[in-house]
């Protein structure tokens, strides 16, 4: 019980959680130091952090990221093999029959709007960028269905250009960690960019998203099993009992596969297809149109 009432940050020795009184406000310098230590701790916890979308080139990553809105990366990974088999290039997708494209991507949800975006961005790539995905933020955000989040995913992981990807997980943890109070993704991105060196932006994004998916969940974070709990001002919002918290862990942290069907070689978990053996026997395409 005492552990759930008082936690201290390793950087400043300040109480975190319910202590019976208001904690002393944290200085900007102390927050930055704590934030950078969180990043270092996450780097040790997730040395293999990476995008959890399967892709082989910038176009595939762009399309997969657009499809990932309001669904899981696993669902996207189950859907894209059939999609890219039929439409391997922007030119092919630009000429797609909307109804046929919608049917393939139906499992990802919001398939009509997504199909419209995919055809629109493919036409733009074909007509304005010689069929190539541009490597500049200013160009990427002109494509239909592509905002700063999607653009930063593509830049950071297909072109090696540093970017902060503010999805729902990143925004939630940035606020829980006390890096910002903003809800607007653009403001969150700007606030976090002032805390960390540009060279860290892409990997920071992966680490924070990994942590949000595996431990610091939206509804019930596993506080009692969190290695960076001493650095978190939001400790206590979730389950603080260590044994109960362990049962909340997801993906490889809890002994289950991640979301990729084709994970990197150094990823500690097994491919997500382990959960559906049919995907390993040529039936991924069937999965993509089953719903």
C-alpha atoms as a PDB file:
ATOM      1  CA  UNK A   1       0.000   0.000   0.000  1.00  0.00           C
ATOM      2  CA  UNK A   2       2.823   2.382   0.813  1.00  0.00           C
ATOM      3  CA  UNK A   3       4.236   1.942  -2.684  1.00  0.00           C
ATOM      4  CA  UNK A   4       1.004   3.122  -4.258  1.00  0.00           C
ATOM      5  CA  UNK A   5       1.011   6.297  -2.206  1.00  0.00           C
ATOM      6  CA  UNK A   6       4.536   7.561  -2.661  1.00  0.00           C
ATOM      7  CA  UNK A   7       6.917   7.246  -5.593  1.00  0.00           C
ATOM      8  CA  UNK A   8       9.879   9.534  -6.241  1.00  0.00           C
ATOM      9  CA  UNK A   9      11.491  10.533  -9.488  1.00  0.00           C
ATOM     10  CA  UNK A  10      15.041   9.356  -9.810  1.00  0.00           C
ATOM     11  CA  UNK A  11      16.087  12.727 -11.209  1.00  0.00           C
ATOM     12  CA  UNK A  12      14.649  15.133  -8.679  1.00  0.00           C
ATOM     13  CA  UNK A  13      13.435  13.095  -5.717  1.00  0.00           C
ATOM     14  CA  UNK A  14       9.965  14.566  -6.001  1.00  0.00           C
ATOM     15  CA  UNK A  15       6.884  12.628  -4.945  1.00  0.00           C
ATOM     16  CA  UNK A  16       4.847  11.160  -7.751  1.00  0.00           C
ATOM     17  CA  UNK A  17       1.288  10.043  -7.191  1.00  0.00           C
ATOM     18  CA  UNK A  18      -0.947  10.611  -4.185  1.00  0.00           C
ATOM     19  CA  UNK A  19       1.043  11.956  -1.277  1.00  0.00           C
ATOM     20  CA  UNK A  20      -1.601  13.837   0.677  1.00  0.00           C
ATOM     21  CA  UNK A  21      -0.414  17.234  -0.535  1.00  0.00           C
ATOM     22  CA  UNK A  22       0.361  19.113  -3.724  1.00  0.00           C
ATOM     23  CA  UNK A  23       3.876  18.377  -5.021  1.00  0.00           C
ATOM     24  CA  UNK A  24       6.260  21.246  -5.664  1.00  0.00           C
ATOM     25  CA  UNK A  25       6.026  22.397  -9.300  1.00  0.00           C
ATOM     26  CA  UNK A  26       8.695  20.876 -11.504  1.00  0.00           C
ATOM     27  CA  UNK A  27      11.040  23.330 -13.193  1.00  0.00           C
ATOM     28  CA  UNK A  28      11.462  23.310 -16.958  1.00  0.00           C
ATOM     29  CA  UNK A  29      15.053  22.126 -16.608  1.00  0.00           C
ATOM     30  CA  UNK A  30      14.063  19.283 -14.285  1.00  0.00           C
ATOM     31  CA  UNK A  31      11.297  18.213 -16.686  1.00  0.00           C
ATOM     32  CA  UNK A  32      13.683  18.152 -19.649  1.00  0.00           C
ATOM     33  CA  UNK A  33      16.232  16.121 -17.718  1.00  0.00           C
ATOM     34  CA  UNK A  34      13.532  13.677 -16.599  1.00  0.00           C
ATOM     35  CA  UNK A  35      12.139  13.435 -20.138  1.00  0.00           C
ATOM     36  CA  UNK A  36      15.545  12.617 -21.576  1.00  0.00           C
ATOM     37  CA  UNK A  37      16.114  10.004 -18.911  1.00  0.00           C
ATOM     38  CA  UNK A  38      12.759   8.436 -19.783  1.00  0.00           C
ATOM     39  CA  UNK A  39      13.950   8.244 -23.391  1.00  0.00           C
ATOM     40  CA  UNK A  40      17.173   6.537 -22.320  1.00  0.00           C
ATOM     41  CA  UNK A  41      15.267   4.068 -20.142  1.00  0.00           C
ATOM     42  CA  UNK A  42      12.866   3.283 -22.992  1.00  0.00           C
ATOM     43  CA  UNK A  43      15.834   2.754 -25.316  1.00  0.00           C
ATOM     44  CA  UNK A  44      17.122   0.057 -22.970  1.00  0.00           C
ATOM     45  CA  UNK A  45      13.668  -1.467 -22.588  1.00  0.00           C
ATOM     46  CA  UNK A  46      12.900  -1.484 -26.337  1.00  0.00           C
ATOM     47  CA  UNK A  47      16.239  -1.610 -28.197  1.00  0.00           C
ATOM     48  CA  UNK A  48      14.354  -3.214 -31.084  1.00  0.00           C
ATOM     49  CA  UNK A  49      11.622  -0.536 -31.364  1.00  0.00           C
ATOM     50  CA  UNK A  50      10.490  -0.133 -34.965  1.00  0.00           C
ATOM     51  CA  UNK A  51       7.375   0.636 -37.041  1.00  0.00           C
ATOM     52  CA  UNK A  52       4.905  -2.212 -36.644  1.00  0.00           C
ATOM     53  CA  UNK A  53       3.639  -1.970 -40.205  1.00  0.00           C
ATOM     54  CA  UNK A  54       5.041  -4.391 -42.771  1.00  0.00           C
ATOM     55  CA  UNK A  55       6.480  -2.601 -45.819  1.00  0.00           C
ATOM     56  CA  UNK A  56       9.164  -2.993 -48.474  1.00  0.00           C
ATOM     57  CA  UNK A  57       9.331   0.521 -49.947  1.00  0.00           C
ATOM     58  CA  UNK A  58       8.155   4.105 -49.282  1.00  0.00           C
ATOM     59  CA  UNK A  59       4.923   3.663 -51.251  1.00  0.00           C
ATOM     60  CA  UNK A  60       3.916   0.607 -49.230  1.00  0.00           C
ATOM     61  CA  UNK A  61       4.672   2.394 -45.963  1.00  0.00           C
ATOM     62  CA  UNK A  62       2.673   5.436 -47.064  1.00  0.00           C
ATOM     63  CA  UNK A  63      -0.343   3.325 -47.998  1.00  0.00           C
ATOM     64  CA  UNK A  64      -0.124   1.173 -44.865  1.00  0.00           C
ATOM     65  CA  UNK A  65       0.064   4.236 -42.635  1.00  0.00           C
ATOM     66  CA  UNK A  66      -3.032   5.739 -44.251  1.00  0.00           C
ATOM     67  CA  UNK A  67      -4.842   2.438 -43.704  1.00  0.00           C
ATOM     68  CA  UNK A  68      -3.739   2.276 -40.056  1.00  0.00           C
ATOM     69  CA  UNK A  69      -6.093   5.059 -38.964  1.00  0.00           C
ATOM     70  CA  UNK A  70      -8.711   3.740 -36.519  1.00  0.00           C
ATOM     71  CA  UNK A  71      -7.517   0.137 -36.707  1.00  0.00           C
ATOM     72  CA  UNK A  72      -4.635  -2.051 -35.556  1.00  0.00           C
ATOM     73  CA  UNK A  73      -1.343  -2.446 -37.364  1.00  0.00           C
ATOM     74  CA  UNK A  74      -1.942  -6.193 -37.315  1.00  0.00           C
ATOM     75  CA  UNK A  75      -5.153  -5.776 -39.280  1.00  0.00           C
ATOM     76  CA  UNK A  76      -3.339  -3.593 -41.785  1.00  0.00           C
ATOM     77  CA  UNK A  77      -0.550  -6.168 -42.074  1.00  0.00           C
ATOM     78  CA  UNK A  78      -3.131  -8.852 -42.783  1.00  0.00           C
ATOM     79  CA  UNK A  79      -4.695  -6.679 -45.480  1.00  0.00           C
ATOM     80  CA  UNK A  80      -1.762  -5.209 -47.393  1.00  0.00           C
ATOM     81  CA  UNK A  81      -0.346  -8.402 -48.983  1.00  0.00           C
ATOM     82  CA  UNK A  82      -3.438  -8.757 -51.170  1.00  0.00           C
ATOM     83  CA  UNK A  83      -3.575  -5.002 -51.730  1.00  0.00           C
ATOM     84  CA  UNK A  84       0.013  -4.704 -52.973  1.00  0.00           C
ATOM     85  CA  UNK A  85      -0.265  -7.867 -55.020  1.00  0.00           C
ATOM     86  CA  UNK A  86      -3.040  -6.207 -57.020  1.00  0.00           C
ATOM     87  CA  UNK A  87      -1.715  -2.626 -56.908  1.00  0.00           C
ATOM     88  CA  UNK A  88       2.096  -2.741 -56.563  1.00  0.00           C
ATOM     89  CA  UNK A  89       2.735   0.853 -57.713  1.00  0.00           C
ATOM     90  CA  UNK A  90       1.143   4.310 -57.541  1.00  0.00           C
ATOM     91  CA  UNK A  91       0.286   3.996 -61.229  1.00  0.00           C
ATOM     92  CA  UNK A  92      -1.606   0.766 -60.568  1.00  0.00           C
ATOM     93  CA  UNK A  93      -3.475   2.149 -57.576  1.00  0.00           C
ATOM     94  CA  UNK A  94      -4.297   5.400 -59.378  1.00  0.00           C
ATOM     95  CA  UNK A  95      -6.172   3.325 -61.977  1.00  0.00           C
ATOM     96  CA  UNK A  96      -7.948   1.141 -59.414  1.00  0.00           C
ATOM     97  CA  UNK A  97     -11.655   0.454 -59.584  1.00  0.00           C
ATOM     98  CA  UNK A  98     -12.927   2.120 -56.377  1.00  0.00           C
ATOM     99  CA  UNK A  99     -15.339  -0.699 -55.539  1.00  0.00           C
ATOM    100  CA  UNK A 100     -12.639  -3.345 -55.912  1.00  0.00           C
ATOM    101  CA  UNK A 101     -10.183  -1.353 -53.819  1.00  0.00           C
ATOM    102  CA  UNK A 102     -12.813  -0.786 -51.140  1.00  0.00           C
ATOM    103  CA  UNK A 103     -13.495  -4.507 -50.910  1.00  0.00           C
ATOM    104  CA  UNK A 104      -9.837  -5.332 -50.334  1.00  0.00           C
ATOM    105  CA  UNK A 105      -9.329  -2.722 -47.603  1.00  0.00           C
ATOM    106  CA  UNK A 106     -12.751  -3.203 -46.003  1.00  0.00           C
ATOM    107  CA  UNK A 107     -11.280  -4.998 -42.914  1.00  0.00           C
ATOM    108  CA  UNK A 108      -9.384  -1.835 -41.933  1.00  0.00           C
ATOM    109  CA  UNK A 109     -12.582   0.171 -41.451  1.00  0.00           C
ATOM    110  CA  UNK A 110     -13.655   3.501 -42.980  1.00  0.00           C
ATOM    111  CA  UNK A 111     -12.818   1.792 -46.257  1.00  0.00           C
ATOM    112  CA  UNK A 112     -14.665   4.229 -48.551  1.00  0.00           C
ATOM    113  CA  UNK A 113     -12.807   7.273 -47.288  1.00  0.00           C
ATOM    114  CA  UNK A 114      -9.530   5.368 -47.212  1.00  0.00           C
ATOM    115  CA  UNK A 115     -10.026   4.141 -50.783  1.00  0.00           C
ATOM    116  CA  UNK A 116     -10.688   7.695 -51.899  1.00  0.00           C
ATOM    117  CA  UNK A 117      -7.483   8.846 -50.192  1.00  0.00           C
ATOM    118  CA  UNK A 118      -5.407   5.994 -51.641  1.00  0.00           C
ATOM    119  CA  UNK A 119      -6.581   6.644 -55.182  1.00  0.00           C
ATOM    120  CA  UNK A 120      -6.137  10.385 -54.723  1.00  0.00           C
ATOM    121  CA  UNK A 121      -2.604  10.155 -53.340  1.00  0.00           C
ATOM    122  CA  UNK A 122      -1.652   7.645 -56.023  1.00  0.00           C
ATOM    123  CA  UNK A 123      -2.876   9.977 -58.751  1.00  0.00           C
ATOM    124  CA  UNK A 124      -0.885  12.805 -57.177  1.00  0.00           C
ATOM    125  CA  UNK A 125       2.235  10.649 -56.981  1.00  0.00           C
ATOM    126  CA  UNK A 126       1.804   9.628 -60.615  1.00  0.00           C
ATOM    127  CA  UNK A 127       1.066  13.078 -62.004  1.00  0.00           C
ATOM    128  CA  UNK A 128       3.090  15.377 -59.745  1.00  0.00           C
ATOM    129  CA  UNK A 129       6.005  13.316 -58.426  1.00  0.00           C
ATOM    130  CA  UNK A 130       6.854  10.983 -61.325  1.00  0.00           C
ATOM    131  CA  UNK A 131       5.415   7.997 -59.468  1.00  0.00           C
ATOM    132  CA  UNK A 132       7.807   8.414 -56.521  1.00  0.00           C
ATOM    133  CA  UNK A 133       6.996   9.169 -52.886  1.00  0.00           C
ATOM    134  CA  UNK A 134       8.559  12.555 -52.073  1.00  0.00           C
ATOM    135  CA  UNK A 135      11.028  12.824 -49.222  1.00  0.00           C
ATOM    136  CA  UNK A 136       9.933  16.244 -47.969  1.00  0.00           C
ATOM    137  CA  UNK A 137       7.280  17.028 -45.372  1.00  0.00           C
ATOM    138  CA  UNK A 138       5.957  19.964 -47.378  1.00  0.00           C
ATOM    139  CA  UNK A 139       5.310  17.683 -50.362  1.00  0.00           C
ATOM    140  CA  UNK A 140       3.915  14.725 -48.427  1.00  0.00           C
ATOM    141  CA  UNK A 141       1.212  16.735 -46.646  1.00  0.00           C
ATOM    142  CA  UNK A 142      -0.174  17.876 -50.021  1.00  0.00           C
ATOM    143  CA  UNK A 143      -1.195  14.290 -50.782  1.00  0.00           C
ATOM    144  CA  UNK A 144      -4.847  13.341 -50.115  1.00  0.00           C
ATOM    145  CA  UNK A 145      -5.283  11.671 -46.710  1.00  0.00           C
ATOM    146  CA  UNK A 146      -1.726  12.492 -45.593  1.00  0.00           C
ATOM    147  CA  UNK A 147      -1.227  14.654 -42.504  1.00  0.00           C
ATOM    148  CA  UNK A 148       1.839  15.398 -40.413  1.00  0.00           C
ATOM    149  CA  UNK A 149       1.627  12.097 -38.535  1.00  0.00           C
ATOM    150  CA  UNK A 150       1.637   9.995 -41.682  1.00  0.00           C
ATOM    151  CA  UNK A 151       4.290  12.207 -43.279  1.00  0.00           C
ATOM    152  CA  UNK A 152       6.609  11.858 -40.285  1.00  0.00           C
ATOM    153  CA  UNK A 153       6.187   8.064 -40.282  1.00  0.00           C
ATOM    154  CA  UNK A 154       7.243   7.930 -43.929  1.00  0.00           C
ATOM    155  CA  UNK A 155      10.080  10.431 -43.550  1.00  0.00           C
ATOM    156  CA  UNK A 156      11.549   8.782 -40.482  1.00  0.00           C
ATOM    157  CA  UNK A 157      11.288   5.174 -41.606  1.00  0.00           C
ATOM    158  CA  UNK A 158      11.603   5.301 -45.383  1.00  0.00           C
ATOM    159  CA  UNK A 159      13.966   8.258 -45.818  1.00  0.00           C
ATOM    160  CA  UNK A 160      15.840   8.558 -42.534  1.00  0.00           C
ATOM    161  CA  UNK A 161      14.585  12.107 -41.967  1.00  0.00           C
ATOM    162  CA  UNK A 162      13.934  12.716 -38.240  1.00  0.00           C
ATOM    163  CA  UNK A 163      10.304  13.217 -37.322  1.00  0.00           C
ATOM    164  CA  UNK A 164       7.992  12.949 -34.304  1.00  0.00           C
ATOM    165  CA  UNK A 165       4.959  10.751 -34.910  1.00  0.00           C
ATOM    166  CA  UNK A 166       2.106  11.901 -32.699  1.00  0.00           C
ATOM    167  CA  UNK A 167      -0.496   9.143 -32.767  1.00  0.00           C
ATOM    168  CA  UNK A 168      -2.955   8.437 -29.940  1.00  0.00           C
ATOM    169  CA  UNK A 169      -0.351   6.493 -27.960  1.00  0.00           C
ATOM    170  CA  UNK A 170       2.347   9.146 -28.264  1.00  0.00           C
ATOM    171  CA  UNK A 171      -0.008  11.975 -27.340  1.00  0.00           C
ATOM    172  CA  UNK A 172      -1.342  10.100 -24.312  1.00  0.00           C
ATOM    173  CA  UNK A 173       2.100   9.302 -22.939  1.00  0.00           C
ATOM    174  CA  UNK A 174       3.500  12.755 -23.655  1.00  0.00           C
ATOM    175  CA  UNK A 175       0.768  14.142 -21.395  1.00  0.00           C
ATOM    176  CA  UNK A 176       1.178  11.418 -18.755  1.00  0.00           C
ATOM    177  CA  UNK A 177       4.914  12.036 -18.674  1.00  0.00           C
ATOM    178  CA  UNK A 178       4.292  15.739 -18.164  1.00  0.00           C
ATOM    179  CA  UNK A 179       6.004  16.804 -21.396  1.00  0.00           C
ATOM    180  CA  UNK A 180       2.954  18.783 -22.488  1.00  0.00           C
ATOM    181  CA  UNK A 181      -0.678  19.409 -21.588  1.00  0.00           C
ATOM    182  CA  UNK A 182      -1.769  19.971 -25.178  1.00  0.00           C
ATOM    183  CA  UNK A 183      -4.283  17.714 -26.890  1.00  0.00           C
ATOM    184  CA  UNK A 184      -3.679  18.993 -30.411  1.00  0.00           C
ATOM    185  CA  UNK A 185      -1.168  16.692 -32.180  1.00  0.00           C
ATOM    186  CA  UNK A 186       0.629  19.571 -33.904  1.00  0.00           C
ATOM    187  CA  UNK A 187       1.144  21.358 -30.583  1.00  0.00           C
ATOM    188  CA  UNK A 188       2.264  18.113 -28.937  1.00  0.00           C
ATOM    189  CA  UNK A 189       4.800  17.604 -31.731  1.00  0.00           C
ATOM    190  CA  UNK A 190       6.133  21.140 -31.314  1.00  0.00           C
ATOM    191  CA  UNK A 191       6.392  20.834 -27.526  1.00  0.00           C
ATOM    192  CA  UNK A 192       8.240  17.507 -27.646  1.00  0.00           C
ATOM    193  CA  UNK A 193      10.548  18.757 -30.404  1.00  0.00           C
ATOM    194  CA  UNK A 194      11.828  21.415 -28.000  1.00  0.00           C
ATOM    195  CA  UNK A 195      12.755  18.782 -25.396  1.00  0.00           C
ATOM    196  CA  UNK A 196      14.730  16.296 -27.468  1.00  0.00           C
ATOM    197  CA  UNK A 197      17.514  16.660 -30.030  1.00  0.00           C
ATOM    198  CA  UNK A 198      16.343  16.186 -33.596  1.00  0.00           C
ATOM    199  CA  UNK A 199      18.470  13.068 -34.014  1.00  0.00           C
ATOM    200  CA  UNK A 200      16.289  11.302 -31.421  1.00  0.00           C
ATOM    201  CA  UNK A 201      12.874  12.156 -32.842  1.00  0.00           C
ATOM    202  CA  UNK A 202      12.180   9.045 -34.933  1.00  0.00           C
ATOM    203  CA  UNK A 203      13.375   6.471 -32.415  1.00  0.00           C
ATOM    204  CA  UNK A 204      11.743   8.379 -29.540  1.00  0.00           C
ATOM    205  CA  UNK A 205       8.456   8.031 -31.419  1.00  0.00           C
ATOM    206  CA  UNK A 206       8.888   4.266 -31.774  1.00  0.00           C
ATOM    207  CA  UNK A 207       9.849   3.805 -28.130  1.00  0.00           C
ATOM    208  CA  UNK A 208       6.958   5.838 -26.761  1.00  0.00           C
ATOM    209  CA  UNK A 209       4.422   4.105 -29.037  1.00  0.00           C
ATOM    210  CA  UNK A 210       5.852   0.711 -28.074  1.00  0.00           C
ATOM    211  CA  UNK A 211       5.483   1.583 -24.393  1.00  0.00           C
ATOM    212  CA  UNK A 212       1.935   2.829 -24.901  1.00  0.00           C
ATOM    213  CA  UNK A 213       0.895  -0.378 -26.624  1.00  0.00           C
ATOM    214  CA  UNK A 214       2.644  -2.745 -24.253  1.00  0.00           C
ATOM    215  CA  UNK A 215       2.519  -1.226 -20.768  1.00  0.00           C
ATOM    216  CA  UNK A 216       1.074   2.292 -20.517  1.00  0.00           C
ATOM    217  CA  UNK A 217      -2.357   1.444 -21.900  1.00  0.00           C
ATOM    218  CA  UNK A 218      -5.146   3.943 -22.364  1.00  0.00           C
ATOM    219  CA  UNK A 219      -7.765   2.554 -19.999  1.00  0.00           C
ATOM    220  CA  UNK A 220      -5.677   0.678 -17.469  1.00  0.00           C
ATOM    221  CA  UNK A 221      -1.924   1.245 -17.559  1.00  0.00           C
ATOM    222  CA  UNK A 222       0.202  -1.430 -15.895  1.00  0.00           C
ATOM    223  CA  UNK A 223       1.887   0.981 -13.470  1.00  0.00           C
ATOM    224  CA  UNK A 224       3.046  -1.759 -11.102  1.00  0.00           C
ATOM    225  CA  UNK A 225       4.994  -3.486 -13.894  1.00  0.00           C
ATOM    226  CA  UNK A 226       6.409  -0.348 -15.481  1.00  0.00           C
ATOM    227  CA  UNK A 227      10.222  -0.008 -15.390  1.00  0.00           C
ATOM    228  CA  UNK A 228      10.027   3.774 -15.664  1.00  0.00           C
ATOM    229  CA  UNK A 229       7.382   4.260 -12.967  1.00  0.00           C
ATOM    230  CA  UNK A 230       9.802   6.217 -10.723  1.00  0.00           C
ATOM    231  CA  UNK A 231      10.112   8.811 -13.496  1.00  0.00           C
ATOM    232  CA  UNK A 232       6.387   9.134 -14.208  1.00  0.00           C
ATOM    233  CA  UNK A 233       4.260  11.869 -12.595  1.00  0.00           C
ATOM    234  CA  UNK A 234       1.125   9.897 -13.513  1.00  0.00           C
ATOM    235  CA  UNK A 235       2.070   6.785 -11.546  1.00  0.00           C
ATOM    236  CA  UNK A 236      -1.052   5.436  -9.867  1.00  0.00           C
ATOM    237  CA  UNK A 237      -3.502   6.074 -12.715  1.00  0.00           C
ATOM    238  CA  UNK A 238      -3.394   2.358 -13.422  1.00  0.00           C
ATOM    239  CA  UNK A 239      -2.887  -0.929 -11.583  1.00  0.00           C
ATOM    240  CA  UNK A 240      -0.064  -0.558  -9.046  1.00  0.00           C
ATOM    241  CA  UNK A 241      -0.029  -4.105  -7.677  1.00  0.00           C
ATOM    242  CA  UNK A 242       2.952  -5.772  -9.415  1.00  0.00           C
ATOM    243  CA  UNK A 243       1.317  -9.169  -9.890  1.00  0.00           C
ATOM    244  CA  UNK A 244      -1.956  -7.748 -11.162  1.00  0.00           C
ATOM    245  CA  UNK A 245      -0.080  -5.326 -13.389  1.00  0.00           C
ATOM    246  CA  UNK A 246       1.923  -8.148 -14.997  1.00  0.00           C
ATOM    247  CA  UNK A 247      -1.325  -9.685 -16.200  1.00  0.00           C
ATOM    248  CA  UNK A 248      -2.063  -6.491 -18.136  1.00  0.00           C
ATOM    249  CA  UNK A 249       1.121  -6.603 -20.205  1.00  0.00           C
ATOM    250  CA  UNK A 250       0.628  -7.014 -23.936  1.00  0.00           C
ATOM    251  CA  UNK A 251       2.552  -8.347 -26.918  1.00  0.00           C
ATOM    252  CA  UNK A 252       6.075  -9.633 -26.290  1.00  0.00           C
ATOM    253  CA  UNK A 253       6.125  -8.094 -22.792  1.00  0.00           C
ATOM    254  CA  UNK A 254       3.328 -10.509 -21.924  1.00  0.00           C
ATOM    255  CA  UNK A 255       4.622 -13.417 -23.984  1.00  0.00           C
ATOM    256  CA  UNK A 256       2.518 -12.720 -27.064  1.00  0.00           C
ATOM    257  CA  UNK A 257       3.608 -11.802 -30.610  1.00  0.00           C
ATOM    258  CA  UNK A 258       3.733  -8.211 -31.801  1.00  0.00           C
ATOM    259  CA  UNK A 259       1.682  -6.817 -34.667  1.00  0.00           C
ATOM    260  CA  UNK A 260       3.959  -7.565 -37.603  1.00  0.00           C
ATOM    261  CA  UNK A 261       3.619 -10.582 -39.851  1.00  0.00           C
ATOM    262  CA  UNK A 262       7.193 -10.007 -41.015  1.00  0.00           C
ATOM    263  CA  UNK A 263       9.066  -8.563 -38.014  1.00  0.00           C
ATOM    264  CA  UNK A 264      12.752  -7.565 -38.108  1.00  0.00           C
ATOM    265  CA  UNK A 265      15.225 -10.345 -37.390  1.00  0.00           C
ATOM    266  CA  UNK A 266      16.204  -8.850 -34.022  1.00  0.00           C
ATOM    267  CA  UNK A 267      12.630  -8.581 -32.750  1.00  0.00           C
ATOM    268  CA  UNK A 268      12.298 -10.733 -29.596  1.00  0.00           C
ATOM    269  CA  UNK A 269       8.760 -11.934 -30.200  1.00  0.00           C
ATOM    270  CA  UNK A 270       7.385 -14.204 -32.876  1.00  0.00           C
ATOM    271  CA  UNK A 271       5.548 -13.027 -35.955  1.00  0.00           C
ATOM    272  CA  UNK A 272       1.958 -12.040 -35.354  1.00  0.00           C
ATOM    273  CA  UNK A 273       0.974 -14.718 -37.858  1.00  0.00           C
ATOM    274  CA  UNK A 274       1.636 -17.239 -35.095  1.00  0.00           C
ATOM    275  CA  UNK A 275      -1.789 -16.274 -33.778  1.00  0.00           C
ATOM    276  CA  UNK A 276      -3.297 -17.232 -37.107  1.00  0.00           C
ATOM    277  CA  UNK A 277      -1.366 -20.082 -38.713  1.00  0.00           C
ATOM    278  CA  UNK A 278      -3.370 -19.737 -41.897  1.00  0.00           C
ATOM    279  CA  UNK A 279      -1.441 -16.574 -42.697  1.00  0.00           C
ATOM    280  CA  UNK A 280       1.703 -18.681 -43.033  1.00  0.00           C
ATOM    281  CA  UNK A 281       0.027 -20.980 -45.561  1.00  0.00           C
ATOM    282  CA  UNK A 282      -0.838 -18.503 -48.290  1.00  0.00           C
ATOM    283  CA  UNK A 283      -4.185 -17.416 -46.923  1.00  0.00           C
ATOM    284  CA  UNK A 284      -3.309 -13.832 -46.031  1.00  0.00           C
ATOM    285  CA  UNK A 285      -5.128 -12.682 -49.150  1.00  0.00           C
ATOM    286  CA  UNK A 286      -8.286 -14.422 -47.964  1.00  0.00           C
ATOM    287  CA  UNK A 287      -7.991 -12.702 -44.623  1.00  0.00           C
ATOM    288  CA  UNK A 288      -7.836  -9.365 -46.349  1.00  0.00           C
ATOM    289  CA  UNK A 289     -11.262  -9.749 -47.949  1.00  0.00           C
ATOM    290  CA  UNK A 290     -12.992 -11.930 -45.388  1.00  0.00           C
ATOM    291  CA  UNK A 291     -14.838  -9.117 -43.670  1.00  0.00           C
END
